[in-house]
Amino acid sequence: MSPLPALPDGWRLEHFTEIDGTNAELLRRAGDGEPSGLAIYADIQSAGRGRRGRSWNSPKGNLCLSVLIDAPSAIAGQAGFAAALALIDAIEAEVGTGIADLRCKWPNDLLLDDAKVAGLLLEAVPNRDQVVIGMGVNLVPVDVADAVYPVGTLTAYKIEPAALASQVCDSLALWINSWKTIGFAPLRRAWLERAVGLGEGITVRLPHDQLEGIFDDLADDGALLLNQGAVGVRSISAGDVFFGPEG
């Protein structure tokens, strides 16, 4: 493992040239009693995972980063909003300017020009109030055969994975501290300012259903509020969002 830049107090960042999965490694370490604040990133993942058990293609040059934080299981999903905002902060810090078209897609993706450039995977640590936040960022071109959404890349910005990993930790520490001391409201407000599809027609695909309506808002717990007109407003805690009435 390579030496890495200084981090916020209590945080540790480890680097692997190759690993089965950064989330898998942190889940193992957490099961052995690892305290929060550990982040690991890898050049290559041999068995990277995305949401709903999908594979995550991880060619060398992309960022594959996972972070272990303390989070009560009942609200652990809110940490994903902190991670999305931290990723935006970190990317813009590396680029040196804001990127207007870098947007948050509910629940856990980042889009650039309507294509997915980053995804997050949250996994609760069994029997502990901890959650692993996995982040995959496309810094180089990616070939995804089974993609359910257009795939994009940040290649044009020439971002180095190690530098971005350090920046993410810096920003995530701030957002997590805000969440723990103030609550979810600041995260919700900041996320909505970068949200894509707000006030527009969307399709939400659930494991055994598909719903259409208007993306009205985020609930106070981070659930998506889907306005289905005469049917009413439905609160959705998990699902795949597609834009337009057909998805």
C-alpha atoms as a PDB file:
ATOM      1  CA  MET A   1       0.000   0.000   0.000  1.00  0.00           C
ATOM      2  CA  SER A   2       1.250   3.445  -0.956  1.00  0.00           C
ATOM      3  CA  PRO A   3       1.677   6.486   1.331  1.00  0.00           C
ATOM      4  CA  LEU A   4      -1.103   9.003   0.872  1.00  0.00           C
ATOM      5  CA  PRO A   5      -1.786  12.662   1.747  1.00  0.00           C
ATOM      6  CA  ALA A   6      -2.841  13.860   5.192  1.00  0.00           C
ATOM      7  CA  LEU A   7      -6.525  13.442   6.029  1.00  0.00           C
ATOM      8  CA  PRO A   8      -9.033  14.846   8.528  1.00  0.00           C
ATOM      9  CA  ASP A   9      -8.423  13.827  12.130  1.00  0.00           C
ATOM     10  CA  GLY A  10      -9.350  10.215  12.740  1.00  0.00           C
ATOM     11  CA  TRP A  11      -9.501   9.283   9.038  1.00  0.00           C
ATOM     12  CA  ARG A  12      -7.230   6.734   7.371  1.00  0.00           C
ATOM     13  CA  LEU A  13      -6.838   6.110   3.637  1.00  0.00           C
ATOM     14  CA  GLU A  14      -5.346   2.883   2.290  1.00  0.00           C
ATOM     15  CA  HIS A  15      -4.488   2.008  -1.295  1.00  0.00           C
ATOM     16  CA  PHE A  16      -4.573  -1.415  -2.972  1.00  0.00           C
ATOM     17  CA  THR A  17      -3.317  -2.144  -6.451  1.00  0.00           C
ATOM     18  CA  GLU A  18      -5.950  -4.884  -6.800  1.00  0.00           C
ATOM     19  CA  ILE A  19      -8.740  -6.206  -4.580  1.00  0.00           C
ATOM     20  CA  ASP A  20     -11.962  -8.171  -4.965  1.00  0.00           C
ATOM     21  CA  GLY A  21     -14.015  -5.144  -3.924  1.00  0.00           C
ATOM     22  CA  THR A  22     -13.431  -2.112  -1.742  1.00  0.00           C
ATOM     23  CA  ASN A  23     -16.849  -2.505  -0.116  1.00  0.00           C
ATOM     24  CA  ALA A  24     -16.178  -6.183   0.547  1.00  0.00           C
ATOM     25  CA  GLU A  25     -12.854  -5.371   2.186  1.00  0.00           C
ATOM     26  CA  LEU A  26     -14.360  -2.738   4.455  1.00  0.00           C
ATOM     27  CA  LEU A  27     -17.215  -5.029   5.444  1.00  0.00           C
ATOM     28  CA  ARG A  28     -14.625  -7.623   6.465  1.00  0.00           C
ATOM     29  CA  ARG A  29     -12.615  -5.068   8.400  1.00  0.00           C
ATOM     30  CA  ALA A  30     -15.707  -3.656  10.106  1.00  0.00           C
ATOM     31  CA  GLY A  31     -16.729  -7.160  11.115  1.00  0.00           C
ATOM     32  CA  ASP A  32     -13.362  -7.447  12.857  1.00  0.00           C
ATOM     33  CA  GLY A  33     -14.015  -4.247  14.825  1.00  0.00           C
ATOM     34  CA  GLU A  34     -12.491  -1.551  12.604  1.00  0.00           C
ATOM     35  CA  PRO A  35     -13.530   1.934  13.805  1.00  0.00           C
ATOM     36  CA  SER A  36     -15.139   4.432  11.465  1.00  0.00           C
ATOM     37  CA  GLY A  37     -13.077   6.779   9.319  1.00  0.00           C
ATOM     38  CA  LEU A  38     -11.240   4.120   7.321  1.00  0.00           C
ATOM     39  CA  ALA A  39     -11.308   4.650   3.557  1.00  0.00           C
ATOM     40  CA  ILE A  40      -9.757   2.355   0.977  1.00  0.00           C
ATOM     41  CA  TYR A  41      -9.360   2.708  -2.756  1.00  0.00           C
ATOM     42  CA  ALA A  42      -8.086   0.298  -5.367  1.00  0.00           C
ATOM     43  CA  ASP A  43      -6.625   0.552  -8.852  1.00  0.00           C
ATOM     44  CA  ILE A  44      -8.547  -2.553  -9.941  1.00  0.00           C
ATOM     45  CA  GLN A  45     -11.527  -4.438  -8.511  1.00  0.00           C
ATOM     46  CA  SER A  46     -11.888  -8.037  -9.622  1.00  0.00           C
ATOM     47  CA  ALA A  47     -15.451  -8.371  -8.303  1.00  0.00           C
ATOM     48  CA  GLY A  48     -16.851  -4.854  -8.013  1.00  0.00           C
ATOM     49  CA  ARG A  49     -20.564  -4.572  -7.281  1.00  0.00           C
ATOM     50  CA  GLY A  50     -23.227  -1.984  -7.991  1.00  0.00           C
ATOM     51  CA  ARG A  51     -26.780  -1.616  -6.759  1.00  0.00           C
ATOM     52  CA  ARG A  52     -29.156  -4.610  -6.902  1.00  0.00           C
ATOM     53  CA  GLY A  53     -26.253  -7.008  -7.325  1.00  0.00           C
ATOM     54  CA  ARG A  54     -25.130  -5.608 -10.674  1.00  0.00           C
ATOM     55  CA  SER A  55     -21.473  -5.897 -11.570  1.00  0.00           C
ATOM     56  CA  TRP A  56     -19.370  -2.719 -11.560  1.00  0.00           C
ATOM     57  CA  ASN A  57     -16.732  -2.535 -14.266  1.00  0.00           C
ATOM     58  CA  SER A  58     -13.589  -1.051 -12.718  1.00  0.00           C
ATOM     59  CA  PRO A  59     -10.785  -0.479 -15.242  1.00  0.00           C
ATOM     60  CA  LYS A  60      -7.523   0.989 -14.014  1.00  0.00           C
ATOM     61  CA  GLY A  61      -7.675   4.767 -13.913  1.00  0.00           C
ATOM     62  CA  ASN A  62     -11.140   4.995 -12.371  1.00  0.00           C
ATOM     63  CA  LEU A  63     -11.759   5.715  -8.707  1.00  0.00           C
ATOM     64  CA  CYS A  64     -13.002   2.771  -6.651  1.00  0.00           C
ATOM     65  CA  LEU A  65     -13.337   4.103  -3.111  1.00  0.00           C
ATOM     66  CA  SER A  66     -15.159   2.889  -0.011  1.00  0.00           C
ATOM     67  CA  VAL A  67     -15.516   4.620   3.342  1.00  0.00           C
ATOM     68  CA  LEU A  68     -16.603   3.269   6.726  1.00  0.00           C
ATOM     69  CA  ILE A  69     -18.659   5.642   8.860  1.00  0.00           C
ATOM     70  CA  ASP A  70     -20.792   5.454  11.982  1.00  0.00           C
ATOM     71  CA  ALA A  71     -24.504   5.610  11.179  1.00  0.00           C
ATOM     72  CA  PRO A  72     -27.581   4.270  12.968  1.00  0.00           C
ATOM     73  CA  SER A  73     -29.159   1.685  10.690  1.00  0.00           C
ATOM     74  CA  ALA A  74     -32.535   3.470  10.656  1.00  0.00           C
ATOM     75  CA  ILE A  75     -31.096   6.533   8.907  1.00  0.00           C
ATOM     76  CA  ALA A  76     -27.936   5.149   7.294  1.00  0.00           C
ATOM     77  CA  GLY A  77     -29.341   5.768   3.806  1.00  0.00           C
ATOM     78  CA  GLN A  78     -29.070   9.509   4.370  1.00  0.00           C
ATOM     79  CA  ALA A  79     -25.298   9.161   4.319  1.00  0.00           C
ATOM     80  CA  GLY A  80     -25.562   8.544   0.585  1.00  0.00           C
ATOM     81  CA  PHE A  81     -26.664  12.134   0.047  1.00  0.00           C
ATOM     82  CA  ALA A  82     -23.601  13.304   1.980  1.00  0.00           C
ATOM     83  CA  ALA A  83     -21.401  11.129  -0.228  1.00  0.00           C
ATOM     84  CA  ALA A  84     -22.933  12.474  -3.451  1.00  0.00           C
ATOM     85  CA  LEU A  85     -22.338  16.042  -2.337  1.00  0.00           C
ATOM     86  CA  ALA A  86     -18.801  15.191  -1.214  1.00  0.00           C
ATOM     87  CA  LEU A  87     -18.061  13.709  -4.634  1.00  0.00           C
ATOM     88  CA  ILE A  88     -19.233  16.869  -6.361  1.00  0.00           C
ATOM     89  CA  ASP A  89     -17.146  19.015  -4.019  1.00  0.00           C
ATOM     90  CA  ALA A  90     -14.101  16.816  -4.573  1.00  0.00           C
ATOM     91  CA  ILE A  91     -14.412  16.699  -8.364  1.00  0.00           C
ATOM     92  CA  GLU A  92     -14.828  20.464  -8.571  1.00  0.00           C
ATOM     93  CA  ALA A  93     -11.900  20.991  -6.201  1.00  0.00           C
ATOM     94  CA  GLU A  94      -9.696  18.904  -8.489  1.00  0.00           C
ATOM     95  CA  VAL A  95     -10.937  20.644 -11.627  1.00  0.00           C
ATOM     96  CA  GLY A  96     -10.682  24.087 -10.042  1.00  0.00           C
ATOM     97  CA  THR A  97     -14.147  25.270 -11.061  1.00  0.00           C
ATOM     98  CA  GLY A  98     -17.813  24.397 -10.749  1.00  0.00           C
ATOM     99  CA  ILE A  99     -19.332  22.018 -13.290  1.00  0.00           C
ATOM    100  CA  ALA A 100     -22.894  23.172 -13.900  1.00  0.00           C
ATOM    101  CA  ASP A 101     -24.016  19.956 -15.575  1.00  0.00           C
ATOM    102  CA  LEU A 102     -22.727  17.689 -12.794  1.00  0.00           C
ATOM    103  CA  ARG A 103     -25.966  16.715 -11.092  1.00  0.00           C
ATOM    104  CA  CYS A 104     -27.383  14.371  -8.453  1.00  0.00           C
ATOM    105  CA  LYS A 105     -29.714  11.594  -9.609  1.00  0.00           C
ATOM    106  CA  TRP A 106     -31.832   9.949  -6.940  1.00  0.00           C
ATOM    107  CA  PRO A 107     -30.947   7.904  -5.043  1.00  0.00           C
ATOM    108  CA  ASN A 108     -27.183   7.463  -5.436  1.00  0.00           C
ATOM    109  CA  ASP A 109     -25.796   8.546  -8.823  1.00  0.00           C
ATOM    110  CA  LEU A 110     -24.026  11.528 -10.360  1.00  0.00           C
ATOM    111  CA  LEU A 111     -24.784  12.558 -13.929  1.00  0.00           C
ATOM    112  CA  LEU A 112     -22.785  14.717 -16.318  1.00  0.00           C
ATOM    113  CA  ASP A 113     -24.650  15.820 -19.441  1.00  0.00           C
ATOM    114  CA  ASP A 114     -27.358  13.274 -18.563  1.00  0.00           C
ATOM    115  CA  ALA A 115     -24.943  10.325 -18.466  1.00  0.00           C
ATOM    116  CA  LYS A 116     -23.910   8.470 -15.305  1.00  0.00           C
ATOM    117  CA  VAL A 117     -20.341   9.251 -14.278  1.00  0.00           C
ATOM    118  CA  ALA A 118     -20.475   8.009 -10.675  1.00  0.00           C
ATOM    119  CA  GLY A 119     -22.477   5.588  -8.590  1.00  0.00           C
ATOM    120  CA  LEU A 120     -22.707   4.865  -4.894  1.00  0.00           C
ATOM    121  CA  LEU A 121     -23.460   1.659  -3.024  1.00  0.00           C
ATOM    122  CA  LEU A 122     -24.332   1.741   0.671  1.00  0.00           C
ATOM    123  CA  GLU A 123     -24.107  -1.445   2.713  1.00  0.00           C
ATOM    124  CA  ALA A 124     -24.900  -1.728   6.407  1.00  0.00           C
ATOM    125  CA  VAL A 125     -22.389  -3.508   8.614  1.00  0.00           C
ATOM    126  CA  PRO A 126     -24.187  -6.434  10.299  1.00  0.00           C
ATOM    127  CA  ASN A 127     -24.823  -5.988  14.021  1.00  0.00           C
ATOM    128  CA  ARG A 128     -23.102  -2.595  14.171  1.00  0.00           C
ATOM    129  CA  ASP A 129     -24.230   1.022  13.708  1.00  0.00           C
ATOM    130  CA  GLN A 130     -21.877   1.478  10.783  1.00  0.00           C
ATOM    131  CA  VAL A 131     -22.316   1.761   7.042  1.00  0.00           C
ATOM    132  CA  VAL A 132     -19.906   1.269   4.148  1.00  0.00           C
ATOM    133  CA  ILE A 133     -20.251   3.841   1.373  1.00  0.00           C
ATOM    134  CA  GLY A 134     -18.829   2.615  -1.899  1.00  0.00           C
ATOM    135  CA  MET A 135     -18.125   5.121  -4.689  1.00  0.00           C
ATOM    136  CA  GLY A 136     -17.218   4.394  -8.266  1.00  0.00           C
ATOM    137  CA  VAL A 137     -16.229   7.328 -10.480  1.00  0.00           C
ATOM    138  CA  ASN A 138     -15.581   7.024 -14.206  1.00  0.00           C
ATOM    139  CA  LEU A 139     -12.361   8.941 -14.742  1.00  0.00           C
ATOM    140  CA  VAL A 140     -11.505   6.955 -17.882  1.00  0.00           C
ATOM    141  CA  PRO A 141     -13.775   5.442 -20.559  1.00  0.00           C
ATOM    142  CA  VAL A 142     -15.827   2.456 -19.385  1.00  0.00           C
ATOM    143  CA  ASP A 143     -17.455  -0.333 -21.378  1.00  0.00           C
ATOM    144  CA  VAL A 144     -20.606  -1.496 -19.575  1.00  0.00           C
ATOM    145  CA  ALA A 145     -22.495  -4.178 -21.457  1.00  0.00           C
ATOM    146  CA  ASP A 146     -25.488  -4.380 -19.082  1.00  0.00           C
ATOM    147  CA  ALA A 147     -25.861  -0.686 -18.239  1.00  0.00           C
ATOM    148  CA  VAL A 148     -29.417   0.339 -17.384  1.00  0.00           C
ATOM    149  CA  TYR A 149     -28.588   4.035 -17.873  1.00  0.00           C
ATOM    150  CA  PRO A 150     -26.287   5.965 -20.284  1.00  0.00           C
ATOM    151  CA  VAL A 151     -22.670   5.814 -19.123  1.00  0.00           C
ATOM    152  CA  GLY A 152     -20.440   8.894 -19.113  1.00  0.00           C
ATOM    153  CA  THR A 153     -16.896   9.745 -18.109  1.00  0.00           C
ATOM    154  CA  LEU A 154     -14.874  12.582 -16.599  1.00  0.00           C
ATOM    155  CA  THR A 155     -11.918  11.775 -18.874  1.00  0.00           C
ATOM    156  CA  ALA A 156     -11.713  15.336 -20.223  1.00  0.00           C
ATOM    157  CA  TYR A 157     -10.879  16.676 -16.748  1.00  0.00           C
ATOM    158  CA  LYS A 158      -7.767  14.480 -16.275  1.00  0.00           C
ATOM    159  CA  ILE A 159      -8.399  13.725 -12.576  1.00  0.00           C
ATOM    160  CA  GLU A 160      -6.019  11.419 -10.724  1.00  0.00           C
ATOM    161  CA  PRO A 161      -7.729   8.747  -8.564  1.00  0.00           C
ATOM    162  CA  ALA A 162      -5.409   9.206  -5.551  1.00  0.00           C
ATOM    163  CA  ALA A 163      -5.950  12.963  -5.450  1.00  0.00           C
ATOM    164  CA  LEU A 164      -9.701  12.572  -5.820  1.00  0.00           C
ATOM    165  CA  ALA A 165      -9.831   9.946  -3.052  1.00  0.00           C
ATOM    166  CA  SER A 166      -8.145  12.342  -0.640  1.00  0.00           C
ATOM    167  CA  GLN A 167     -10.437  15.208  -1.639  1.00  0.00           C
ATOM    168  CA  VAL A 168     -13.517  13.026  -1.157  1.00  0.00           C
ATOM    169  CA  CYS A 169     -12.441  12.153   2.376  1.00  0.00           C
ATOM    170  CA  ASP A 170     -11.908  15.834   3.216  1.00  0.00           C
ATOM    171  CA  SER A 171     -15.330  16.839   1.932  1.00  0.00           C
ATOM    172  CA  LEU A 172     -17.178  13.797   3.250  1.00  0.00           C
ATOM    173  CA  ALA A 173     -15.845  14.417   6.756  1.00  0.00           C
ATOM    174  CA  LEU A 174     -17.436  17.885   6.654  1.00  0.00           C
ATOM    175  CA  TRP A 175     -20.785  16.697   5.311  1.00  0.00           C
ATOM    176  CA  ILE A 176     -20.989  13.809   7.760  1.00  0.00           C
ATOM    177  CA  ASN A 177     -20.157  16.121  10.649  1.00  0.00           C
ATOM    178  CA  SER A 178     -22.924  18.501   9.520  1.00  0.00           C
ATOM    179  CA  TRP A 179     -25.364  15.599   9.270  1.00  0.00           C
ATOM    180  CA  LYS A 180     -24.527  14.358  12.746  1.00  0.00           C
ATOM    181  CA  THR A 181     -24.628  17.763  14.435  1.00  0.00           C
ATOM    182  CA  ILE A 182     -27.401  19.576  12.542  1.00  0.00           C
ATOM    183  CA  GLY A 183     -29.420  16.811  10.938  1.00  0.00           C
ATOM    184  CA  PHE A 184     -30.508  15.882   7.442  1.00  0.00           C
ATOM    185  CA  ALA A 185     -32.057  19.235   6.464  1.00  0.00           C
ATOM    186  CA  PRO A 186     -28.827  20.890   5.163  1.00  0.00           C
ATOM    187  CA  LEU A 187     -27.966  17.762   3.154  1.00  0.00           C
ATOM    188  CA  ARG A 188     -31.473  17.622   1.711  1.00  0.00           C
ATOM    189  CA  ARG A 189     -31.388  21.298   0.734  1.00  0.00           C
ATOM    190  CA  ALA A 190     -27.936  21.113  -0.876  1.00  0.00           C
ATOM    191  CA  TRP A 191     -28.779  17.888  -2.706  1.00  0.00           C
ATOM    192  CA  LEU A 192     -32.012  19.323  -4.113  1.00  0.00           C
ATOM    193  CA  GLU A 193     -30.058  22.296  -5.491  1.00  0.00           C
ATOM    194  CA  ARG A 194     -28.072  19.842  -7.645  1.00  0.00           C
ATOM    195  CA  ALA A 195     -30.922  17.403  -8.347  1.00  0.00           C
ATOM    196  CA  VAL A 196     -31.834  16.359 -11.874  1.00  0.00           C
ATOM    197  CA  GLY A 197     -35.469  15.736 -12.774  1.00  0.00           C
ATOM    198  CA  LEU A 198     -37.048  17.699  -9.934  1.00  0.00           C
ATOM    199  CA  GLY A 199     -40.558  18.795 -10.945  1.00  0.00           C
ATOM    200  CA  GLU A 200     -40.452  16.610 -14.071  1.00  0.00           C
ATOM    201  CA  GLY A 201     -42.074  13.371 -15.151  1.00  0.00           C
ATOM    202  CA  ILE A 202     -40.139  10.249 -14.169  1.00  0.00           C
ATOM    203  CA  THR A 203     -40.507   6.487 -14.128  1.00  0.00           C
ATOM    204  CA  VAL A 204     -39.472   4.577 -11.013  1.00  0.00           C
ATOM    205  CA  ARG A 205     -38.742   0.908 -11.472  1.00  0.00           C
ATOM    206  CA  LEU A 206     -39.212  -1.223  -8.380  1.00  0.00           C
ATOM    207  CA  PRO A 207     -38.393  -4.949  -8.078  1.00  0.00           C
ATOM    208  CA  HIS A 208     -41.980  -5.951  -8.924  1.00  0.00           C
ATOM    209  CA  ASP A 209     -43.609  -2.761 -10.161  1.00  0.00           C
ATOM    210  CA  GLN A 210     -43.138   0.359 -12.261  1.00  0.00           C
ATOM    211  CA  LEU A 211     -44.537   3.745 -11.297  1.00  0.00           C
ATOM    212  CA  GLU A 212     -44.904   7.010 -13.204  1.00  0.00           C
ATOM    213  CA  GLY A 213     -45.445  10.509 -11.891  1.00  0.00           C
ATOM    214  CA  ILE A 214     -43.783  13.829 -11.104  1.00  0.00           C
ATOM    215  CA  PHE A 215     -40.662  14.007  -8.954  1.00  0.00           C
ATOM    216  CA  ASP A 216     -42.145  16.393  -6.398  1.00  0.00           C
ATOM    217  CA  ASP A 217     -39.572  16.555  -3.625  1.00  0.00           C
ATOM    218  CA  LEU A 218     -37.449  14.663  -1.122  1.00  0.00           C
ATOM    219  CA  ALA A 219     -39.089  13.617   2.116  1.00  0.00           C
ATOM    220  CA  ASP A 220     -37.463  14.565   5.404  1.00  0.00           C
ATOM    221  CA  ASP A 221     -35.856  11.098   5.502  1.00  0.00           C
ATOM    222  CA  GLY A 222     -34.525  11.199   1.919  1.00  0.00           C
ATOM    223  CA  ALA A 223     -37.313   9.203   0.268  1.00  0.00           C
ATOM    224  CA  LEU A 224     -38.420  10.313  -3.195  1.00  0.00           C
ATOM    225  CA  LEU A 225     -41.914  11.860  -3.238  1.00  0.00           C
ATOM    226  CA  LEU A 226     -43.670  10.823  -6.456  1.00  0.00           C
ATOM    227  CA  ASN A 227     -46.817  12.793  -7.320  1.00  0.00           C
ATOM    228  CA  GLN A 228     -49.191  10.484  -9.193  1.00  0.00           C
ATOM    229  CA  GLY A 229     -51.980  12.991  -9.580  1.00  0.00           C
ATOM    230  CA  ALA A 230     -55.340  11.598  -8.515  1.00  0.00           C
ATOM    231  CA  VAL A 231     -53.609   8.600  -6.945  1.00  0.00           C
ATOM    232  CA  GLY A 232     -51.764  10.907  -4.559  1.00  0.00           C
ATOM    233  CA  VAL A 233     -48.133  11.311  -3.523  1.00  0.00           C
ATOM    234  CA  ARG A 234     -46.168   8.147  -2.905  1.00  0.00           C
ATOM    235  CA  SER A 235     -43.015   7.970  -0.784  1.00  0.00           C
ATOM    236  CA  ILE A 236     -40.369   5.689  -2.336  1.00  0.00           C
ATOM    237  CA  SER A 237     -37.309   4.624  -0.371  1.00  0.00           C
ATOM    238  CA  ALA A 238     -35.521   2.659  -3.115  1.00  0.00           C
ATOM    239  CA  GLY A 239     -35.831   2.241  -6.873  1.00  0.00           C
ATOM    240  CA  ASP A 240     -34.292   2.978 -10.270  1.00  0.00           C
ATOM    241  CA  VAL A 241     -35.296   6.356 -11.713  1.00  0.00           C
ATOM    242  CA  PHE A 242     -35.633   7.076 -15.426  1.00  0.00           C
ATOM    243  CA  PHE A 243     -36.672  10.376 -16.965  1.00  0.00           C
ATOM    244  CA  GLY A 244     -39.801  10.842 -19.021  1.00  0.00           C
ATOM    245  CA  PRO A 245     -43.069   8.884 -18.894  1.00  0.00           C
ATOM    246  CA  GLU A 246     -41.682   5.740 -20.519  1.00  0.00           C
ATOM    247  CA  GLY A 247     -38.303   5.514 -18.692  1.00  0.00           C
END
